[in-house]
Amino acid sequence: MKSLILIIGALFIVFNTLIGIMLSDYSTLNFLLADLSIVLTAVMIYWVVNSKMAAGFTIAASTLLIFTGIIRLLCVALAPSGWENNLYFIAAISILLFELAFVAVLWFIDSKQSN
């Protein structure tokens, strides 16, 4: 099950990259950021699933990361090209910062449970 997360993430990356290559309206910046978003989500979910936390808490944390990862993916995939005045990228970065803070808290809790 744990390696299935990485396999699904890799399949989403391949799918997104193929779509990015085939569609001329899907800018290179957007599909590369979407690929990065998929990688980050898969890695965070993989870490949560491999942690020593209770099963219910792991399921809830994974579900939250999947939900926020999908929103972040949509933000970077649908964003207009260019960095300047791009509210989609600002939203995606805000979501990423929330996810990283959430995972940092989980890591802190997990390290305290291990001791």
PDB file of N, CA and C in Angstrom:
ATOM      1  N   MET A   1       0.822  -1.200   0.000  1.00  0.00           N
ATOM      2  CA  MET A   1       0.000   0.000   0.000  1.00  0.00           C
ATOM      3  C   MET A   1       0.865   1.262   0.000  1.00  0.00           C
ATOM      4  N   LYS A   2       1.940   1.238   0.754  1.00  0.00           N
ATOM      5  CA  LYS A   2       2.767   2.427   0.884  1.00  0.00           C
ATOM      6  C   LYS A   2       3.462   2.779  -0.424  1.00  0.00           C
ATOM      7  N   SER A   3       3.940   1.778  -1.135  1.00  0.00           N
ATOM      8  CA  SER A   3       4.588   2.065  -2.418  1.00  0.00           C
ATOM      9  C   SER A   3       3.561   2.409  -3.486  1.00  0.00           C
ATOM     10  N   LEU A   4       2.316   2.033  -3.261  1.00  0.00           N
ATOM     11  CA  LEU A   4       1.252   2.374  -4.199  1.00  0.00           C
ATOM     12  C   LEU A   4       1.071   3.890  -4.294  1.00  0.00           C
ATOM     13  N   ILE A   5       1.297   4.596  -3.201  1.00  0.00           N
ATOM     14  CA  ILE A   5       1.205   6.052  -3.189  1.00  0.00           C
ATOM     15  C   ILE A   5       2.213   6.644  -4.166  1.00  0.00           C
ATOM     16  N   LEU A   6       3.441   6.159  -4.130  1.00  0.00           N
ATOM     17  CA  LEU A   6       4.470   6.660  -5.032  1.00  0.00           C
ATOM     18  C   LEU A   6       4.184   6.277  -6.481  1.00  0.00           C
ATOM     19  N   ILE A   7       3.646   5.102  -6.696  1.00  0.00           N
ATOM     20  CA  ILE A   7       3.307   4.664  -8.057  1.00  0.00           C
ATOM     21  C   ILE A   7       2.184   5.530  -8.627  1.00  0.00           C
ATOM     22  N   ILE A   8       1.159   5.797  -7.827  1.00  0.00           N
ATOM     23  CA  ILE A   8       0.062   6.646  -8.281  1.00  0.00           C
ATOM     24  C   ILE A   8       0.570   8.060  -8.560  1.00  0.00           C
ATOM     25  N   GLY A   9       1.429   8.565  -7.703  1.00  0.00           N
ATOM     26  CA  GLY A   9       2.028   9.885  -7.937  1.00  0.00           C
ATOM     27  C   GLY A   9       2.812   9.919  -9.236  1.00  0.00           C
ATOM     28  N   ALA A  10       3.591   8.875  -9.495  1.00  0.00           N
ATOM     29  CA  ALA A  10       4.365   8.814 -10.738  1.00  0.00           C
ATOM     30  C   ALA A  10       3.444   8.750 -11.957  1.00  0.00           C
ATOM     31  N   LEU A  11       2.346   8.014 -11.853  1.00  0.00           N
ATOM     32  CA  LEU A  11       1.392   7.944 -12.969  1.00  0.00           C
ATOM     33  C   LEU A  11       0.745   9.299 -13.231  1.00  0.00           C
ATOM     34  N   PHE A  12       0.410  10.026 -12.172  1.00  0.00           N
ATOM     35  CA  PHE A  12      -0.148  11.363 -12.350  1.00  0.00           C
ATOM     36  C   PHE A  12       0.868  12.307 -12.992  1.00  0.00           C
ATOM     37  N   ILE A  13       2.133  12.177 -12.623  1.00  0.00           N
ATOM     38  CA  ILE A  13       3.170  13.010 -13.223  1.00  0.00           C
ATOM     39  C   ILE A  13       3.304  12.707 -14.710  1.00  0.00           C
ATOM     40  N   VAL A  14       3.315  11.429 -15.062  1.00  0.00           N
ATOM     41  CA  VAL A  14       3.417  11.047 -16.478  1.00  0.00           C
ATOM     42  C   VAL A  14       2.206  11.573 -17.243  1.00  0.00           C
ATOM     43  N   PHE A  15       1.017  11.403 -16.676  1.00  0.00           N
ATOM     44  CA  PHE A  15      -0.201  11.883 -17.335  1.00  0.00           C
ATOM     45  C   PHE A  15      -0.160  13.397 -17.523  1.00  0.00           C
ATOM     46  N   ASN A  16       0.198  14.128 -16.469  1.00  0.00           N
ATOM     47  CA  ASN A  16       0.251  15.586 -16.549  1.00  0.00           C
ATOM     48  C   ASN A  16       1.309  16.043 -17.554  1.00  0.00           C
ATOM     49  N   THR A  17       2.449  15.385 -17.571  1.00  0.00           N
ATOM     50  CA  THR A  17       3.505  15.753 -18.506  1.00  0.00           C
ATOM     51  C   THR A  17       3.073  15.499 -19.947  1.00  0.00           C
ATOM     52  N   LEU A  18       2.424  14.387 -20.189  1.00  0.00           N
ATOM     53  CA  LEU A  18       1.928  14.104 -21.541  1.00  0.00           C
ATOM     54  C   LEU A  18       0.889  15.129 -21.980  1.00  0.00           C
ATOM     55  N   ILE A  19      -0.007  15.490 -21.075  1.00  0.00           N
ATOM     56  CA  ILE A  19      -0.999  16.521 -21.387  1.00  0.00           C
ATOM     57  C   ILE A  19      -0.298  17.849 -21.661  1.00  0.00           C
ATOM     58  N   GLY A  20       0.714  18.161 -20.860  1.00  0.00           N
ATOM     59  CA  GLY A  20       1.461  19.402 -21.057  1.00  0.00           C
ATOM     60  C   GLY A  20       2.192  19.449 -22.384  1.00  0.00           C
ATOM     61  N   ILE A  21       2.668  18.308 -22.841  1.00  0.00           N
ATOM     62  CA  ILE A  21       3.364  18.247 -24.135  1.00  0.00           C
ATOM     63  C   ILE A  21       2.366  18.343 -25.288  1.00  0.00           C
ATOM     64  N   MET A  22       1.189  17.722 -25.135  1.00  0.00           N
ATOM     65  CA  MET A  22       0.218  17.666 -26.230  1.00  0.00           C
ATOM     66  C   MET A  22      -0.595  18.947 -26.395  1.00  0.00           C
ATOM     67  N   LEU A  23      -0.880  19.641 -25.294  1.00  0.00           N
ATOM     68  CA  LEU A  23      -1.720  20.832 -25.373  1.00  0.00           C
ATOM     69  C   LEU A  23      -0.861  22.094 -25.478  1.00  0.00           C
ATOM     70  N   SER A  24      -1.085  22.868 -26.509  1.00  0.00           N
ATOM     71  CA  SER A  24      -0.305  24.090 -26.672  1.00  0.00           C
ATOM     72  C   SER A  24      -0.758  25.188 -25.705  1.00  0.00           C
ATOM     73  N   ASP A  25      -2.027  25.137 -25.239  1.00  0.00           N
ATOM     74  CA  ASP A  25      -2.521  26.144 -24.300  1.00  0.00           C
ATOM     75  C   ASP A  25      -2.018  25.926 -22.870  1.00  0.00           C
ATOM     76  N   TYR A  26      -1.499  24.751 -22.598  1.00  0.00           N
ATOM     77  CA  TYR A  26      -0.993  24.414 -21.262  1.00  0.00           C
ATOM     78  C   TYR A  26       0.483  24.787 -21.232  1.00  0.00           C
ATOM     79  N   SER A  27       0.801  25.942 -20.636  1.00  0.00           N
ATOM     80  CA  SER A  27       2.174  26.454 -20.700  1.00  0.00           C
ATOM     81  C   SER A  27       3.156  25.538 -19.967  1.00  0.00           C
ATOM     82  N   THR A  28       4.391  25.630 -20.395  1.00  0.00           N
ATOM     83  CA  THR A  28       5.451  24.802 -19.799  1.00  0.00           C
ATOM     84  C   THR A  28       5.594  25.096 -18.310  1.00  0.00           C
ATOM     85  N   LEU A  29       5.533  26.363 -17.943  1.00  0.00           N
ATOM     86  CA  LEU A  29       5.627  26.734 -16.531  1.00  0.00           C
ATOM     87  C   LEU A  29       4.522  26.069 -15.723  1.00  0.00           C
ATOM     88  N   ASN A  30       3.307  26.105 -16.243  1.00  0.00           N
ATOM     89  CA  ASN A  30       2.188  25.526 -15.509  1.00  0.00           C
ATOM     90  C   ASN A  30       2.320  24.015 -15.346  1.00  0.00           C
ATOM     91  N   PHE A  31       2.686  23.312 -16.410  1.00  0.00           N
ATOM     92  CA  PHE A  31       2.740  21.858 -16.245  1.00  0.00           C
ATOM     93  C   PHE A  31       3.946  21.423 -15.433  1.00  0.00           C
ATOM     94  N   LEU A  32       5.031  22.191 -15.457  1.00  0.00           N
ATOM     95  CA  LEU A  32       6.161  21.850 -14.587  1.00  0.00           C
ATOM     96  C   LEU A  32       5.823  22.117 -13.120  1.00  0.00           C
ATOM     97  N   LEU A  33       5.128  23.217 -12.852  1.00  0.00           N
ATOM     98  CA  LEU A  33       4.703  23.484 -11.473  1.00  0.00           C
ATOM     99  C   LEU A  33       3.655  22.473 -11.018  1.00  0.00           C
ATOM    100  N   ALA A  34       2.806  22.027 -11.934  1.00  0.00           N
ATOM    101  CA  ALA A  34       1.826  20.991 -11.592  1.00  0.00           C
ATOM    102  C   ALA A  34       2.542  19.673 -11.277  1.00  0.00           C
ATOM    103  N   ASP A  35       3.574  19.345 -12.051  1.00  0.00           N
ATOM    104  CA  ASP A  35       4.370  18.150 -11.755  1.00  0.00           C
ATOM    105  C   ASP A  35       5.018  18.256 -10.373  1.00  0.00           C
ATOM    106  N   LEU A  36       5.581  19.423 -10.080  1.00  0.00           N
ATOM    107  CA  LEU A  36       6.192  19.640  -8.768  1.00  0.00           C
ATOM    108  C   LEU A  36       5.144  19.514  -7.662  1.00  0.00           C
ATOM    109  N   SER A  37       3.957  20.033  -7.913  1.00  0.00           N
ATOM    110  CA  SER A  37       2.865  19.930  -6.943  1.00  0.00           C
ATOM    111  C   SER A  37       2.505  18.475  -6.680  1.00  0.00           C
ATOM    112  N   ILE A  38       2.450  17.674  -7.726  1.00  0.00           N
ATOM    113  CA  ILE A  38       2.130  16.246  -7.582  1.00  0.00           C
ATOM    114  C   ILE A  38       3.222  15.543  -6.782  1.00  0.00           C
ATOM    115  N   VAL A  39       4.471  15.849  -7.072  1.00  0.00           N
ATOM    116  CA  VAL A  39       5.594  15.232  -6.345  1.00  0.00           C
ATOM    117  C   VAL A  39       5.522  15.579  -4.865  1.00  0.00           C
ATOM    118  N   LEU A  40       5.314  16.863  -4.563  1.00  0.00           N
ATOM    119  CA  LEU A  40       5.259  17.279  -3.160  1.00  0.00           C
ATOM    120  C   LEU A  40       4.107  16.617  -2.418  1.00  0.00           C
ATOM    121  N   THR A  41       2.949  16.542  -3.060  1.00  0.00           N
ATOM    122  CA  THR A  41       1.803  15.895  -2.423  1.00  0.00           C
ATOM    123  C   THR A  41       2.071  14.418  -2.180  1.00  0.00           C
ATOM    124  N   ALA A  42       2.618  13.730  -3.171  1.00  0.00           N
ATOM    125  CA  ALA A  42       2.901  12.294  -3.018  1.00  0.00           C
ATOM    126  C   ALA A  42       3.921  12.054  -1.900  1.00  0.00           C
ATOM    127  N   VAL A  43       4.945  12.881  -1.829  1.00  0.00           N
ATOM    128  CA  VAL A  43       5.978  12.707  -0.794  1.00  0.00           C
ATOM    129  C   VAL A  43       5.392  12.961   0.597  1.00  0.00           C
ATOM    130  N   MET A  44       4.582  14.012   0.725  1.00  0.00           N
ATOM    131  CA  MET A  44       3.996  14.297   2.040  1.00  0.00           C
ATOM    132  C   MET A  44       3.036  13.190   2.474  1.00  0.00           C
ATOM    133  N   ILE A  45       2.226  12.706   1.551  1.00  0.00           N
ATOM    134  CA  ILE A  45       1.305  11.616   1.896  1.00  0.00           C
ATOM    135  C   ILE A  45       2.082  10.351   2.239  1.00  0.00           C
ATOM    136  N   TYR A  46       3.130  10.063   1.484  1.00  0.00           N
ATOM    137  CA  TYR A  46       3.962   8.889   1.761  1.00  0.00           C
ATOM    138  C   TYR A  46       4.564   8.988   3.164  1.00  0.00           C
ATOM    139  N   TRP A  47       5.044  10.165   3.535  1.00  0.00           N
ATOM    140  CA  TRP A  47       5.623  10.331   4.864  1.00  0.00           C
ATOM    141  C   TRP A  47       4.559  10.118   5.938  1.00  0.00           C
ATOM    142  N   VAL A  48       3.367  10.684   5.738  1.00  0.00           N
ATOM    143  CA  VAL A  48       2.298  10.542   6.738  1.00  0.00           C
ATOM    144  C   VAL A  48       1.915   9.076   6.901  1.00  0.00           C
ATOM    145  N   VAL A  49       1.793   8.362   5.796  1.00  0.00           N
ATOM    146  CA  VAL A  49       1.402   6.954   5.861  1.00  0.00           C
ATOM    147  C   VAL A  49       2.490   6.119   6.542  1.00  0.00           C
ATOM    148  N   ASN A  50       3.751   6.487   6.365  1.00  0.00           N
ATOM    149  CA  ASN A  50       4.849   5.734   6.975  1.00  0.00           C
ATOM    150  C   ASN A  50       5.150   6.155   8.411  1.00  0.00           C
ATOM    151  N   SER A  51       4.444   7.145   8.930  1.00  0.00           N
ATOM    152  CA  SER A  51       4.716   7.595  10.297  1.00  0.00           C
ATOM    153  C   SER A  51       4.148   6.603  11.309  1.00  0.00           C
ATOM    154  N   LYS A  52       4.454   6.825  12.549  1.00  0.00           N
ATOM    155  CA  LYS A  52       4.040   5.927  13.626  1.00  0.00           C
ATOM    156  C   LYS A  52       2.738   6.387  14.289  1.00  0.00           C
ATOM    157  N   MET A  53       2.031   7.298  13.650  1.00  0.00           N
ATOM    158  CA  MET A  53       0.792   7.826  14.227  1.00  0.00           C
ATOM    159  C   MET A  53      -0.329   6.794  14.135  1.00  0.00           C
ATOM    160  N   ALA A  54      -1.377   7.033  14.908  1.00  0.00           N
ATOM    161  CA  ALA A  54      -2.534   6.137  14.907  1.00  0.00           C
ATOM    162  C   ALA A  54      -3.172   6.110  13.517  1.00  0.00           C
ATOM    163  N   ALA A  55      -3.793   4.992  13.187  1.00  0.00           N
ATOM    164  CA  ALA A  55      -4.344   4.784  11.846  1.00  0.00           C
ATOM    165  C   ALA A  55      -5.409   5.825  11.499  1.00  0.00           C
ATOM    166  N   GLY A  56      -6.273   6.150  12.422  1.00  0.00           N
ATOM    167  CA  GLY A  56      -7.317   7.138  12.155  1.00  0.00           C
ATOM    168  C   GLY A  56      -6.743   8.511  11.869  1.00  0.00           C
ATOM    169  N   PHE A  57      -5.721   8.878  12.630  1.00  0.00           N
ATOM    170  CA  PHE A  57      -5.078  10.170  12.423  1.00  0.00           C
ATOM    171  C   PHE A  57      -4.341  10.190  11.089  1.00  0.00           C
ATOM    172  N   THR A  58      -3.736   9.081  10.725  1.00  0.00           N
ATOM    173  CA  THR A  58      -3.038   8.977   9.441  1.00  0.00           C
ATOM    174  C   THR A  58      -4.014   9.123   8.283  1.00  0.00           C
ATOM    175  N   ILE A  59      -5.174   8.496   8.400  1.00  0.00           N
ATOM    176  CA  ILE A  59      -6.187   8.590   7.343  1.00  0.00           C
ATOM    177  C   ILE A  59      -6.682  10.030   7.213  1.00  0.00           C
ATOM    178  N   ALA A  60      -6.958  10.671   8.335  1.00  0.00           N
ATOM    179  CA  ALA A  60      -7.437  12.056   8.301  1.00  0.00           C
ATOM    180  C   ALA A  60      -6.387  12.995   7.714  1.00  0.00           C
ATOM    181  N   ALA A  61      -5.133  12.829   8.124  1.00  0.00           N
ATOM    182  CA  ALA A  61      -4.058  13.681   7.611  1.00  0.00           C
ATOM    183  C   ALA A  61      -3.837  13.444   6.122  1.00  0.00           C
ATOM    184  N   SER A  62      -3.887  12.196   5.694  1.00  0.00           N
ATOM    185  CA  SER A  62      -3.724  11.879   4.270  1.00  0.00           C
ATOM    186  C   SER A  62      -4.854  12.467   3.444  1.00  0.00           C
ATOM    187  N   THR A  63      -6.077  12.384   3.955  1.00  0.00           N
ATOM    188  CA  THR A  63      -7.226  12.941   3.255  1.00  0.00           C
ATOM    189  C   THR A  63      -7.095  14.454   3.115  1.00  0.00           C
ATOM    190  N   LEU A  64      -6.669  15.117   4.184  1.00  0.00           N
ATOM    191  CA  LEU A  64      -6.463  16.563   4.125  1.00  0.00           C
ATOM    192  C   LEU A  64      -5.388  16.920   3.101  1.00  0.00           C
ATOM    193  N   LEU A  65      -4.290  16.174   3.089  1.00  0.00           N
ATOM    194  CA  LEU A  65      -3.207  16.452   2.139  1.00  0.00           C
ATOM    195  C   LEU A  65      -3.644  16.180   0.699  1.00  0.00           C
ATOM    196  N   ILE A  66      -4.455  15.166   0.483  1.00  0.00           N
ATOM    197  CA  ILE A  66      -4.975  14.896  -0.862  1.00  0.00           C
ATOM    198  C   ILE A  66      -5.862  16.057  -1.308  1.00  0.00           C
ATOM    199  N   PHE A  67      -6.755  16.495  -0.426  1.00  0.00           N
ATOM    200  CA  PHE A  67      -7.675  17.581  -0.757  1.00  0.00           C
ATOM    201  C   PHE A  67      -6.919  18.875  -1.063  1.00  0.00           C
ATOM    202  N   THR A  68      -5.999  19.261  -0.189  1.00  0.00           N
ATOM    203  CA  THR A  68      -5.247  20.496  -0.426  1.00  0.00           C
ATOM    204  C   THR A  68      -4.309  20.349  -1.628  1.00  0.00           C
ATOM    205  N   GLY A  69      -3.803  19.147  -1.858  1.00  0.00           N
ATOM    206  CA  GLY A  69      -2.953  18.914  -3.026  1.00  0.00           C
ATOM    207  C   GLY A  69      -3.710  19.073  -4.329  1.00  0.00           C
ATOM    208  N   ILE A  70      -4.960  18.608  -4.347  1.00  0.00           N
ATOM    209  CA  ILE A  70      -5.783  18.765  -5.554  1.00  0.00           C
ATOM    210  C   ILE A  70      -6.076  20.243  -5.808  1.00  0.00           C
ATOM    211  N   ILE A  71      -6.393  20.982  -4.747  1.00  0.00           N
ATOM    212  CA  ILE A  71      -6.658  22.412  -4.902  1.00  0.00           C
ATOM    213  C   ILE A  71      -5.401  23.129  -5.402  1.00  0.00           C
ATOM    214  N   ARG A  72      -4.234  22.801  -4.818  1.00  0.00           N
ATOM    215  CA  ARG A  72      -2.972  23.418  -5.245  1.00  0.00           C
ATOM    216  C   ARG A  72      -2.666  23.059  -6.692  1.00  0.00           C
ATOM    217  N   LEU A  73      -2.909  21.808  -7.075  1.00  0.00           N
ATOM    218  CA  LEU A  73      -2.685  21.375  -8.451  1.00  0.00           C
ATOM    219  C   LEU A  73      -3.571  22.158  -9.417  1.00  0.00           C
ATOM    220  N   LEU A  74      -4.828  22.332  -9.067  1.00  0.00           N
ATOM    221  CA  LEU A  74      -5.729  23.111  -9.923  1.00  0.00           C
ATOM    222  C   LEU A  74      -5.292  24.565 -10.022  1.00  0.00           C
ATOM    223  N   CYS A  75      -4.803  25.118  -8.920  1.00  0.00           N
ATOM    224  CA  CYS A  75      -4.329  26.507  -8.949  1.00  0.00           C
ATOM    225  C   CYS A  75      -3.170  26.677  -9.928  1.00  0.00           C
ATOM    226  N   VAL A  76      -2.193  25.785  -9.876  1.00  0.00           N
ATOM    227  CA  VAL A  76      -1.036  25.963 -10.770  1.00  0.00           C
ATOM    228  C   VAL A  76      -1.356  25.537 -12.196  1.00  0.00           C
ATOM    229  N   ALA A  77      -2.255  24.594 -12.375  1.00  0.00           N
ATOM    230  CA  ALA A  77      -2.592  24.144 -13.727  1.00  0.00           C
ATOM    231  C   ALA A  77      -3.447  25.173 -14.465  1.00  0.00           C
ATOM    232  N   LEU A  78      -4.314  25.862 -13.757  1.00  0.00           N
ATOM    233  CA  LEU A  78      -5.227  26.804 -14.393  1.00  0.00           C
ATOM    234  C   LEU A  78      -4.744  28.247 -14.351  1.00  0.00           C
ATOM    235  N   ALA A  79      -3.600  28.473 -13.747  1.00  0.00           N
ATOM    236  CA  ALA A  79      -3.078  29.834 -13.609  1.00  0.00           C
ATOM    237  C   ALA A  79      -2.678  30.407 -14.967  1.00  0.00           C
ATOM    238  N   PRO A  80      -2.887  31.720 -15.124  1.00  0.00           N
ATOM    239  CA  PRO A  80      -2.389  32.348 -16.351  1.00  0.00           C
ATOM    240  C   PRO A  80      -0.861  32.342 -16.351  1.00  0.00           C
ATOM    241  N   SER A  81      -0.275  32.393 -17.528  1.00  0.00           N
ATOM    242  CA  SER A  81       1.183  32.375 -17.636  1.00  0.00           C
ATOM    243  C   SER A  81       1.776  33.648 -17.027  1.00  0.00           C
ATOM    244  N   GLY A  82       2.937  33.498 -16.456  1.00  0.00           N
ATOM    245  CA  GLY A  82       3.631  34.639 -15.859  1.00  0.00           C
ATOM    246  C   GLY A  82       3.466  34.676 -14.355  1.00  0.00           C
ATOM    247  N   TRP A  83       4.454  35.259 -13.703  1.00  0.00           N
ATOM    248  CA  TRP A  83       4.479  35.307 -12.247  1.00  0.00           C
ATOM    249  C   TRP A  83       3.794  36.546 -11.691  1.00  0.00           C
ATOM    250  N   GLU A  84       3.859  37.648 -12.442  1.00  0.00           N
ATOM    251  CA  GLU A  84       3.431  38.938 -11.921  1.00  0.00           C
ATOM    252  C   GLU A  84       1.913  39.000 -11.751  1.00  0.00           C
ATOM    253  N   ASN A  85       1.468  39.473 -10.589  1.00  0.00           N
ATOM    254  CA  ASN A  85       0.046  39.647 -10.265  1.00  0.00           C
ATOM    255  C   ASN A  85      -0.771  38.376 -10.500  1.00  0.00           C
ATOM    256  N   ASN A  86      -0.212  37.222 -10.166  1.00  0.00           N
ATOM    257  CA  ASN A  86      -0.880  35.957 -10.418  1.00  0.00           C
ATOM    258  C   ASN A  86      -1.444  35.411  -9.105  1.00  0.00           C
ATOM    259  N   LEU A  87      -2.736  35.620  -8.902  1.00  0.00           N
ATOM    260  CA  LEU A  87      -3.372  35.196  -7.656  1.00  0.00           C
ATOM    261  C   LEU A  87      -3.434  33.684  -7.523  1.00  0.00           C
ATOM    262  N   TYR A  88      -3.452  32.971  -8.642  1.00  0.00           N
ATOM    263  CA  TYR A  88      -3.452  31.515  -8.595  1.00  0.00           C
ATOM    264  C   TYR A  88      -2.157  30.986  -7.958  1.00  0.00           C
ATOM    265  N   PHE A  89      -1.025  31.557  -8.366  1.00  0.00           N
ATOM    266  CA  PHE A  89       0.255  31.129  -7.791  1.00  0.00           C
ATOM    267  C   PHE A  89       0.343  31.518  -6.317  1.00  0.00           C
ATOM    268  N   ILE A  90      -0.191  32.691  -5.982  1.00  0.00           N
ATOM    269  CA  ILE A  90      -0.193  33.105  -4.574  1.00  0.00           C
ATOM    270  C   ILE A  90      -1.027  32.133  -3.740  1.00  0.00           C
ATOM    271  N   ALA A  91      -2.177  31.725  -4.271  1.00  0.00           N
ATOM    272  CA  ALA A  91      -3.016  30.743  -3.565  1.00  0.00           C
ATOM    273  C   ALA A  91      -2.288  29.407  -3.432  1.00  0.00           C
ATOM    274  N   ALA A  92      -1.619  28.968  -4.501  1.00  0.00           N
ATOM    275  CA  ALA A  92      -0.896  27.690  -4.460  1.00  0.00           C
ATOM    276  C   ALA A  92       0.243  27.738  -3.448  1.00  0.00           C
ATOM    277  N   ILE A  93       0.965  28.845  -3.392  1.00  0.00           N
ATOM    278  CA  ILE A  93       2.059  28.979  -2.422  1.00  0.00           C
ATOM    279  C   ILE A  93       1.506  29.012  -0.999  1.00  0.00           C
ATOM    280  N   SER A  94       0.377  29.682  -0.809  1.00  0.00           N
ATOM    281  CA  SER A  94      -0.253  29.728   0.523  1.00  0.00           C
ATOM    282  C   SER A  94      -0.680  28.338   0.974  1.00  0.00           C
ATOM    283  N   ILE A  95      -1.268  27.584   0.065  1.00  0.00           N
ATOM    284  CA  ILE A  95      -1.677  26.216   0.392  1.00  0.00           C
ATOM    285  C   ILE A  95      -0.455  25.356   0.709  1.00  0.00           C
ATOM    286  N   LEU A  96       0.605  25.522  -0.075  1.00  0.00           N
ATOM    287  CA  LEU A  96       1.839  24.766   0.175  1.00  0.00           C
ATOM    288  C   LEU A  96       2.422  25.100   1.547  1.00  0.00           C
ATOM    289  N   LEU A  97       2.425  26.367   1.910  1.00  0.00           N
ATOM    290  CA  LEU A  97       2.937  26.749   3.236  1.00  0.00           C
ATOM    291  C   LEU A  97       2.085  26.148   4.350  1.00  0.00           C
ATOM    292  N   PHE A  98       0.765  26.120   4.162  1.00  0.00           N
ATOM    293  CA  PHE A  98      -0.110  25.462   5.142  1.00  0.00           C
ATOM    294  C   PHE A  98       0.233  23.982   5.250  1.00  0.00           C
ATOM    295  N   GLU A  99       0.403  23.320   4.102  1.00  0.00           N
ATOM    296  CA  GLU A  99       0.714  21.884   4.108  1.00  0.00           C
ATOM    297  C   GLU A  99       2.054  21.610   4.789  1.00  0.00           C
ATOM    298  N   LEU A 100       3.051  22.436   4.488  1.00  0.00           N
ATOM    299  CA  LEU A 100       4.364  22.233   5.106  1.00  0.00           C
ATOM    300  C   LEU A 100       4.304  22.447   6.613  1.00  0.00           C
ATOM    301  N   ALA A 101       3.552  23.450   7.062  1.00  0.00           N
ATOM    302  CA  ALA A 101       3.393  23.667   8.500  1.00  0.00           C
ATOM    303  C   ALA A 101       2.659  22.490   9.139  1.00  0.00           C
ATOM    304  N   PHE A 102       1.643  21.996   8.461  1.00  0.00           N
ATOM    305  CA  PHE A 102       0.879  20.845   8.952  1.00  0.00           C
ATOM    306  C   PHE A 102       1.769  19.615   9.072  1.00  0.00           C
ATOM    307  N   VAL A 103       2.574  19.346   8.052  1.00  0.00           N
ATOM    308  CA  VAL A 103       3.470  18.189   8.077  1.00  0.00           C
ATOM    309  C   VAL A 103       4.553  18.374   9.141  1.00  0.00           C
ATOM    310  N   ALA A 104       5.021  19.615   9.339  1.00  0.00           N
ATOM    311  CA  ALA A 104       6.020  19.868  10.388  1.00  0.00           C
ATOM    312  C   ALA A 104       5.441  19.570  11.767  1.00  0.00           C
ATOM    313  N   VAL A 105       4.191  19.952  11.986  1.00  0.00           N
ATOM    314  CA  VAL A 105       3.537  19.646  13.268  1.00  0.00           C
ATOM    315  C   VAL A 105       3.375  18.139  13.426  1.00  0.00           C
ATOM    316  N   LEU A 106       2.978  17.469  12.340  1.00  0.00           N
ATOM    317  CA  LEU A 106       2.853  16.002  12.395  1.00  0.00           C
ATOM    318  C   LEU A 106       4.198  15.360  12.694  1.00  0.00           C
ATOM    319  N   TRP A 107       5.260  15.864  12.074  1.00  0.00           N
ATOM    320  CA  TRP A 107       6.597  15.324  12.318  1.00  0.00           C
ATOM    321  C   TRP A 107       6.982  15.509  13.780  1.00  0.00           C
ATOM    322  N   PHE A 108       6.663  16.684  14.334  1.00  0.00           N
ATOM    323  CA  PHE A 108       6.965  16.955  15.739  1.00  0.00           C
ATOM    324  C   PHE A 108       6.196  15.996  16.647  1.00  0.00           C
ATOM    325  N   ILE A 109       4.916  15.803  16.375  1.00  0.00           N
ATOM    326  CA  ILE A 109       4.102  14.881  17.162  1.00  0.00           C
ATOM    327  C   ILE A 109       4.618  13.459  17.038  1.00  0.00           C
ATOM    328  N   ASP A 110       4.955  13.066  15.807  1.00  0.00           N
ATOM    329  CA  ASP A 110       5.457  11.705  15.570  1.00  0.00           C
ATOM    330  C   ASP A 110       6.782  11.466  16.278  1.00  0.00           C
ATOM    331  N   SER A 111       7.648  12.477  16.297  1.00  0.00           N
ATOM    332  CA  SER A 111       8.944  12.309  16.972  1.00  0.00           C
ATOM    333  C   SER A 111       8.760  12.225  18.482  1.00  0.00           C
ATOM    334  N   LYS A 112       7.761  12.910  19.020  1.00  0.00           N
ATOM    335  CA  LYS A 112       7.486  12.826  20.456  1.00  0.00           C
ATOM    336  C   LYS A 112       6.881  11.478  20.829  1.00  0.00           C
ATOM    337  N   GLN A 113       6.089  10.888  19.916  1.00  0.00           N
ATOM    338  CA  GLN A 113       5.507   9.579  20.191  1.00  0.00           C
ATOM    339  C   GLN A 113       6.553   8.483  20.131  1.00  0.00           C
ATOM    340  N   SER A 114       7.575   8.656  19.308  1.00  0.00           N
ATOM    341  CA  SER A 114       8.626   7.639  19.178  1.00  0.00           C
ATOM    342  C   SER A 114       9.485   7.547  20.427  1.00  0.00           C
ATOM    343  N   ASN A 115       9.582   8.656  21.180  1.00  0.00           N
ATOM    344  CA  ASN A 115      10.444   8.689  22.372  1.00  0.00           C
ATOM    345  C   ASN A 115       9.774   8.115  23.564  1.00  0.00           C
TER     346      ASN A 115
END
